[in-house]
Structure formats: C-alpha cells, structure tokens
C-alpha cells in the first residue's frame, strides 16, 4: 500500500473543490488511486479539514482510578510481575498497557540489586574487621576482583522501581546461601 503525504491530499482536494475537477481526475494527476482521492474529498467535506480528526486515536481501556490502583499496587509490591499486578488489581488492559502505565508513573522494570542476608554473627565479624583495619596504610593495598560461577539457576530478579532507587532496601532482592555449588575465580 502506497503512502501519500499531506501535500498531495491538499492538492487533490483543492483541485476537486475549487478547480472543478472530479476527485478521481484530480487524484490521477498526482498518482493517487481513485478510491483514495474520493475518500479524501469525502472526509474533507464532512470535517472541513485535511488529515485525521482530532481525538480519533484508540479509546482508553482503563480509567484514571484503575491506573492509580495499578501504580499503587506496583509501589506496594515492586517485585510483582505484570501478570501478578493485573491479577491483584483487576486491571482491564494487557501486559503492554500495564508496562506503559507504570512507565508513565516513573516505574520501570529493572534488575534488582542483590544483597546477601547477614546474620548477627556476620555483622559482628564485619564490624570487628573494619575496626581492626582503621589505621591500615590503604595506599599500599591492591584491590582485585572475582567472579562466582554457581550451579544455582537464579536469573536476575526484576523489580518495578523509580530511577535512582537501585540501593533502596525496598527494591533490593535478598539471597541466602543454600546447597548450591559455586566456584570463585579471582584475578
């Protein structure tokens, strides 16, 4: 299907309205099919304007109250999936619309930062280490990095959160040590 720009439709309508030509003949001069030229003229005579009528987009499927309920539920339960949010709120739209409404409210699905659950014993050990190394000459320390390869099939967790809130505890995923096998590679 060919695309015709607004200039062609204006020219065809002007020739048909003021030039005394039929819509078919005016369309022929600009390489526009007869049916398209006739439709342009019919719509112009009905609306007195060229192009789309204002407000002819898709109807809103959800009300502002339903949108607000969806956003409120996503803020209460940021780890819910779009399917979970739809079930919890009775939202009438589908997944894409849910994601669109959340984005409009500043909530996007992002990978959650992961924080290990620490026991009181872990916390005491870390505090002791920090206190014992306060006076260390840190300019003589070399930092390295490591990667962990694990047998667990834990993929990234998605969370609906506002930008800049990655390390807010409300939006962080926690993990516990389990019976998984893991290997650390250091370098």
C-alpha atoms as a PDB file:
ATOM      1  CA  UNK A   1       0.000   0.000   0.000  1.00  0.00           C
ATOM      2  CA  UNK A   2       1.466   3.346  -1.034  1.00  0.00           C
ATOM      3  CA  UNK A   3       1.793   6.210   1.421  1.00  0.00           C
ATOM      4  CA  UNK A   4       0.595   9.615   0.276  1.00  0.00           C
ATOM      5  CA  UNK A   5       1.717  12.722   2.091  1.00  0.00           C
ATOM      6  CA  UNK A   6      -0.474  15.546   3.307  1.00  0.00           C
ATOM      7  CA  UNK A   7       0.626  17.856   0.451  1.00  0.00           C
ATOM      8  CA  UNK A   8      -0.849  15.504  -2.149  1.00  0.00           C
ATOM      9  CA  UNK A   9      -4.155  15.276  -0.305  1.00  0.00           C
ATOM     10  CA  UNK A  10      -4.333  19.094  -0.036  1.00  0.00           C
ATOM     11  CA  UNK A  11      -3.630  19.458  -3.788  1.00  0.00           C
ATOM     12  CA  UNK A  12      -6.197  16.836  -4.784  1.00  0.00           C
ATOM     13  CA  UNK A  13      -8.861  18.400  -2.558  1.00  0.00           C
ATOM     14  CA  UNK A  14      -8.092  21.925  -3.866  1.00  0.00           C
ATOM     15  CA  UNK A  15      -8.414  20.776  -7.497  1.00  0.00           C
ATOM     16  CA  UNK A  16     -11.667  18.964  -6.718  1.00  0.00           C
ATOM     17  CA  UNK A  17     -13.213  21.751  -4.628  1.00  0.00           C
ATOM     18  CA  UNK A  18     -12.009  24.890  -6.399  1.00  0.00           C
ATOM     19  CA  UNK A  19     -10.642  23.632  -9.704  1.00  0.00           C
ATOM     20  CA  UNK A  20     -13.848  21.992 -10.824  1.00  0.00           C
ATOM     21  CA  UNK A  21     -12.264  18.579 -11.387  1.00  0.00           C
ATOM     22  CA  UNK A  22     -13.639  15.319 -10.072  1.00  0.00           C
ATOM     23  CA  UNK A  23     -11.784  13.697  -7.189  1.00  0.00           C
ATOM     24  CA  UNK A  24     -10.802  10.825  -9.492  1.00  0.00           C
ATOM     25  CA  UNK A  25      -9.324  13.139 -12.131  1.00  0.00           C
ATOM     26  CA  UNK A  26      -7.515  15.285  -9.540  1.00  0.00           C
ATOM     27  CA  UNK A  27      -6.097  12.144  -7.947  1.00  0.00           C
ATOM     28  CA  UNK A  28      -4.909  10.837 -11.301  1.00  0.00           C
ATOM     29  CA  UNK A  29      -2.790  13.979 -11.803  1.00  0.00           C
ATOM     30  CA  UNK A  30      -0.815  13.169  -8.625  1.00  0.00           C
ATOM     31  CA  UNK A  31      -0.721   9.378  -8.973  1.00  0.00           C
ATOM     32  CA  UNK A  32      -3.304   8.807  -6.246  1.00  0.00           C
ATOM     33  CA  UNK A  33      -5.795   5.935  -6.668  1.00  0.00           C
ATOM     34  CA  UNK A  34      -9.375   6.994  -7.417  1.00  0.00           C
ATOM     35  CA  UNK A  35     -10.737   5.444  -4.232  1.00  0.00           C
ATOM     36  CA  UNK A  36      -8.179   7.279  -2.081  1.00  0.00           C
ATOM     37  CA  UNK A  37      -8.871  10.641  -3.756  1.00  0.00           C
ATOM     38  CA  UNK A  38     -12.649  10.172  -3.304  1.00  0.00           C
ATOM     39  CA  UNK A  39     -12.166   9.244   0.369  1.00  0.00           C
ATOM     40  CA  UNK A  40     -10.026  12.342   0.955  1.00  0.00           C
ATOM     41  CA  UNK A  41     -12.682  14.573  -0.593  1.00  0.00           C
ATOM     42  CA  UNK A  42     -15.500  12.885   1.344  1.00  0.00           C
ATOM     43  CA  UNK A  43     -13.648  13.330   4.668  1.00  0.00           C
ATOM     44  CA  UNK A  44     -12.816  16.957   3.823  1.00  0.00           C
ATOM     45  CA  UNK A  45     -16.457  17.739   3.041  1.00  0.00           C
ATOM     46  CA  UNK A  46     -17.545  16.072   6.300  1.00  0.00           C
ATOM     47  CA  UNK A  47     -14.887  17.563   8.657  1.00  0.00           C
ATOM     48  CA  UNK A  48     -13.766  20.714   6.800  1.00  0.00           C
ATOM     49  CA  UNK A  49     -10.128  19.749   7.462  1.00  0.00           C
ATOM     50  CA  UNK A  50      -7.391  17.728   5.802  1.00  0.00           C
ATOM     51  CA  UNK A  51      -5.924  14.778   7.717  1.00  0.00           C
ATOM     52  CA  UNK A  52      -7.024  12.985  10.833  1.00  0.00           C
ATOM     53  CA  UNK A  53      -9.792  14.290  13.013  1.00  0.00           C
ATOM     54  CA  UNK A  54      -8.742  15.286  16.485  1.00  0.00           C
ATOM     55  CA  UNK A  55      -9.231  12.566  19.055  1.00  0.00           C
ATOM     56  CA  UNK A  56      -9.515   9.638  16.651  1.00  0.00           C
ATOM     57  CA  UNK A  57      -6.874   7.572  18.457  1.00  0.00           C
ATOM     58  CA  UNK A  58      -7.501   4.425  20.459  1.00  0.00           C
ATOM     59  CA  UNK A  59     -10.022   4.562  23.263  1.00  0.00           C
ATOM     60  CA  UNK A  60      -8.690   4.416  26.762  1.00  0.00           C
ATOM     61  CA  UNK A  61      -9.197   0.923  28.132  1.00  0.00           C
ATOM     62  CA  UNK A  62      -8.618   1.895  31.737  1.00  0.00           C
ATOM     63  CA  UNK A  63      -9.901   4.740  33.859  1.00  0.00           C
ATOM     64  CA  UNK A  64      -7.617   7.098  35.813  1.00  0.00           C
ATOM     65  CA  UNK A  65      -8.737   5.332  39.021  1.00  0.00           C
ATOM     66  CA  UNK A  66      -7.694   1.949  37.618  1.00  0.00           C
ATOM     67  CA  UNK A  67      -4.345   3.411  36.535  1.00  0.00           C
ATOM     68  CA  UNK A  68      -3.806   4.851  40.024  1.00  0.00           C
ATOM     69  CA  UNK A  69      -4.682   1.498  41.633  1.00  0.00           C
ATOM     70  CA  UNK A  70      -2.194  -0.261  39.349  1.00  0.00           C
ATOM     71  CA  UNK A  71       0.612   2.168  40.239  1.00  0.00           C
ATOM     72  CA  UNK A  72      -0.210   1.949  43.962  1.00  0.00           C
ATOM     73  CA  UNK A  73      -0.068  -1.865  43.833  1.00  0.00           C
ATOM     74  CA  UNK A  74       3.270  -1.771  41.987  1.00  0.00           C
ATOM     75  CA  UNK A  75       4.643   0.564  44.664  1.00  0.00           C
ATOM     76  CA  UNK A  76       3.370  -1.731  47.453  1.00  0.00           C
ATOM     77  CA  UNK A  77       4.672  -4.885  45.747  1.00  0.00           C
ATOM     78  CA  UNK A  78       7.541  -3.836  43.455  1.00  0.00           C
ATOM     79  CA  UNK A  79       8.592  -7.452  42.777  1.00  0.00           C
ATOM     80  CA  UNK A  80       5.210  -8.393  41.254  1.00  0.00           C
ATOM     81  CA  UNK A  81       5.239  -9.209  37.545  1.00  0.00           C
ATOM     82  CA  UNK A  82       2.809  -7.519  35.138  1.00  0.00           C
ATOM     83  CA  UNK A  83       0.647 -10.656  35.325  1.00  0.00           C
ATOM     84  CA  UNK A  84       0.616 -10.505  39.140  1.00  0.00           C
ATOM     85  CA  UNK A  85      -0.284  -6.805  39.068  1.00  0.00           C
ATOM     86  CA  UNK A  86      -3.149  -7.484  36.655  1.00  0.00           C
ATOM     87  CA  UNK A  87      -4.494 -10.239  38.913  1.00  0.00           C
ATOM     88  CA  UNK A  88      -4.141  -8.158  42.085  1.00  0.00           C
ATOM     89  CA  UNK A  89      -5.848  -5.047  40.713  1.00  0.00           C
ATOM     90  CA  UNK A  90      -8.267  -6.418  38.105  1.00  0.00           C
ATOM     91  CA  UNK A  91      -6.677  -4.040  35.556  1.00  0.00           C
ATOM     92  CA  UNK A  92      -8.544  -4.363  32.217  1.00  0.00           C
ATOM     93  CA  UNK A  93      -5.520  -3.924  29.922  1.00  0.00           C
ATOM     94  CA  UNK A  94      -2.918  -6.422  28.827  1.00  0.00           C
ATOM     95  CA  UNK A  95       0.799  -6.669  29.688  1.00  0.00           C
ATOM     96  CA  UNK A  96       1.981  -3.945  27.291  1.00  0.00           C
ATOM     97  CA  UNK A  97      -0.577  -1.478  28.616  1.00  0.00           C
ATOM     98  CA  UNK A  98       0.352  -2.276  32.227  1.00  0.00           C
ATOM     99  CA  UNK A  99       4.022  -1.633  31.448  1.00  0.00           C
ATOM    100  CA  UNK A 100       3.078   1.602  29.636  1.00  0.00           C
ATOM    101  CA  UNK A 101       1.014   2.883  32.601  1.00  0.00           C
ATOM    102  CA  UNK A 102       3.827   2.064  35.047  1.00  0.00           C
ATOM    103  CA  UNK A 103       6.397   3.823  32.848  1.00  0.00           C
ATOM    104  CA  UNK A 104       4.186   6.906  32.689  1.00  0.00           C
ATOM    105  CA  UNK A 105       4.245   6.894  36.513  1.00  0.00           C
ATOM    106  CA  UNK A 106       8.069   6.660  36.528  1.00  0.00           C
ATOM    107  CA  UNK A 107       8.272   2.933  37.351  1.00  0.00           C
ATOM    108  CA  UNK A 108      10.297   0.710  35.042  1.00  0.00           C
ATOM    109  CA  UNK A 109      11.170  -2.954  35.283  1.00  0.00           C
ATOM    110  CA  UNK A 110      14.831  -3.139  36.243  1.00  0.00           C
ATOM    111  CA  UNK A 111      17.194  -5.750  37.592  1.00  0.00           C
ATOM    112  CA  UNK A 112      17.131  -5.673  41.355  1.00  0.00           C
ATOM    113  CA  UNK A 113      20.376  -5.205  43.258  1.00  0.00           C
ATOM    114  CA  UNK A 114      21.125  -8.322  45.284  1.00  0.00           C
ATOM    115  CA  UNK A 115      22.060  -8.153  48.917  1.00  0.00           C
ATOM    116  CA  UNK A 116      23.108 -11.161  50.938  1.00  0.00           C
ATOM    117  CA  UNK A 117      21.181 -11.785  54.134  1.00  0.00           C
ATOM    118  CA  UNK A 118      23.575 -11.240  57.020  1.00  0.00           C
ATOM    119  CA  UNK A 119      23.280 -12.915  60.393  1.00  0.00           C
ATOM    120  CA  UNK A 120      24.175 -11.097  63.589  1.00  0.00           C
ATOM    121  CA  UNK A 121      27.415 -13.118  63.616  1.00  0.00           C
ATOM    122  CA  UNK A 122      28.314 -11.840  60.137  1.00  0.00           C
ATOM    123  CA  UNK A 123      27.646  -8.259  61.183  1.00  0.00           C
ATOM    124  CA  UNK A 124      29.840  -8.560  64.266  1.00  0.00           C
ATOM    125  CA  UNK A 125      32.664 -10.100  62.210  1.00  0.00           C
ATOM    126  CA  UNK A 126      32.496  -7.272  59.648  1.00  0.00           C
ATOM    127  CA  UNK A 127      32.468  -4.619  62.361  1.00  0.00           C
ATOM    128  CA  UNK A 128      35.479  -6.226  64.045  1.00  0.00           C
ATOM    129  CA  UNK A 129      37.361  -6.331  60.727  1.00  0.00           C
ATOM    130  CA  UNK A 130      36.593  -2.679  59.991  1.00  0.00           C
ATOM    131  CA  UNK A 131      37.672  -1.553  63.442  1.00  0.00           C
ATOM    132  CA  UNK A 132      40.906  -3.567  63.292  1.00  0.00           C
ATOM    133  CA  UNK A 133      41.840  -2.022  59.922  1.00  0.00           C
ATOM    134  CA  UNK A 134      41.121   1.627  60.604  1.00  0.00           C
ATOM    135  CA  UNK A 135      44.814   2.540  60.784  1.00  0.00           C
ATOM    136  CA  UNK A 136      45.952   0.373  57.874  1.00  0.00           C
ATOM    137  CA  UNK A 137      48.019   2.071  55.163  1.00  0.00           C
ATOM    138  CA  UNK A 138      45.476   1.719  52.384  1.00  0.00           C
ATOM    139  CA  UNK A 139      47.785   3.299  49.786  1.00  0.00           C
ATOM    140  CA  UNK A 140      49.803   0.041  49.890  1.00  0.00           C
ATOM    141  CA  UNK A 141      46.788  -2.217  49.267  1.00  0.00           C
ATOM    142  CA  UNK A 142      45.964  -3.620  45.847  1.00  0.00           C
ATOM    143  CA  UNK A 143      42.322  -4.376  45.141  1.00  0.00           C
ATOM    144  CA  UNK A 144      41.317  -7.240  42.881  1.00  0.00           C
ATOM    145  CA  UNK A 145      38.052  -8.681  41.641  1.00  0.00           C
ATOM    146  CA  UNK A 146      36.438 -12.076  41.472  1.00  0.00           C
ATOM    147  CA  UNK A 147      33.595 -13.778  39.642  1.00  0.00           C
ATOM    148  CA  UNK A 148      31.432 -16.542  41.002  1.00  0.00           C
ATOM    149  CA  UNK A 149      30.164 -19.398  38.878  1.00  0.00           C
ATOM    150  CA  UNK A 150      27.319 -21.280  40.514  1.00  0.00           C
ATOM    151  CA  UNK A 151      25.100 -24.302  39.927  1.00  0.00           C
ATOM    152  CA  UNK A 152      22.003 -22.387  41.004  1.00  0.00           C
ATOM    153  CA  UNK A 153      19.693 -21.268  38.245  1.00  0.00           C
ATOM    154  CA  UNK A 154      18.931 -17.887  39.769  1.00  0.00           C
ATOM    155  CA  UNK A 155      18.498 -15.385  36.973  1.00  0.00           C
ATOM    156  CA  UNK A 156      18.177 -11.672  37.521  1.00  0.00           C
ATOM    157  CA  UNK A 157      15.115 -10.590  39.503  1.00  0.00           C
ATOM    158  CA  UNK A 158      13.001  -7.791  38.031  1.00  0.00           C
ATOM    159  CA  UNK A 159      11.586  -5.018  40.176  1.00  0.00           C
ATOM    160  CA  UNK A 160       9.412  -2.014  39.271  1.00  0.00           C
ATOM    161  CA  UNK A 161      11.194   0.959  40.794  1.00  0.00           C
ATOM    162  CA  UNK A 162      11.829   4.636  40.096  1.00  0.00           C
ATOM    163  CA  UNK A 163      15.141   5.715  38.605  1.00  0.00           C
ATOM    164  CA  UNK A 164      17.921   6.304  41.115  1.00  0.00           C
ATOM    165  CA  UNK A 165      16.487   3.941  43.740  1.00  0.00           C
ATOM    166  CA  UNK A 166      18.616   0.844  42.983  1.00  0.00           C
ATOM    167  CA  UNK A 167      20.052   0.541  46.506  1.00  0.00           C
ATOM    168  CA  UNK A 168      16.891   1.486  48.372  1.00  0.00           C
ATOM    169  CA  UNK A 169      16.257  -1.570  50.623  1.00  0.00           C
ATOM    170  CA  UNK A 170      12.632  -1.683  49.460  1.00  0.00           C
ATOM    171  CA  UNK A 171      13.777  -2.515  45.922  1.00  0.00           C
ATOM    172  CA  UNK A 172      16.672  -4.867  46.706  1.00  0.00           C
ATOM    173  CA  UNK A 173      16.486  -8.623  46.326  1.00  0.00           C
ATOM    174  CA  UNK A 174      17.943 -10.754  49.104  1.00  0.00           C
ATOM    175  CA  UNK A 175      19.667 -14.101  48.807  1.00  0.00           C
ATOM    176  CA  UNK A 176      20.569 -16.850  51.226  1.00  0.00           C
ATOM    177  CA  UNK A 177      23.241 -19.482  50.975  1.00  0.00           C
ATOM    178  CA  UNK A 178      21.781 -22.823  50.008  1.00  0.00           C
ATOM    179  CA  UNK A 179      23.154 -26.190  48.995  1.00  0.00           C
ATOM    180  CA  UNK A 180      24.327 -24.902  45.631  1.00  0.00           C
ATOM    181  CA  UNK A 181      27.842 -25.490  44.382  1.00  0.00           C
ATOM    182  CA  UNK A 182      29.857 -22.426  43.436  1.00  0.00           C
ATOM    183  CA  UNK A 183      33.410 -21.691  42.314  1.00  0.00           C
ATOM    184  CA  UNK A 184      35.086 -18.311  42.788  1.00  0.00           C
ATOM    185  CA  UNK A 185      37.640 -17.196  40.207  1.00  0.00           C
ATOM    186  CA  UNK A 186      39.996 -14.488  41.343  1.00  0.00           C
ATOM    187  CA  UNK A 187      42.338 -12.224  39.480  1.00  0.00           C
END
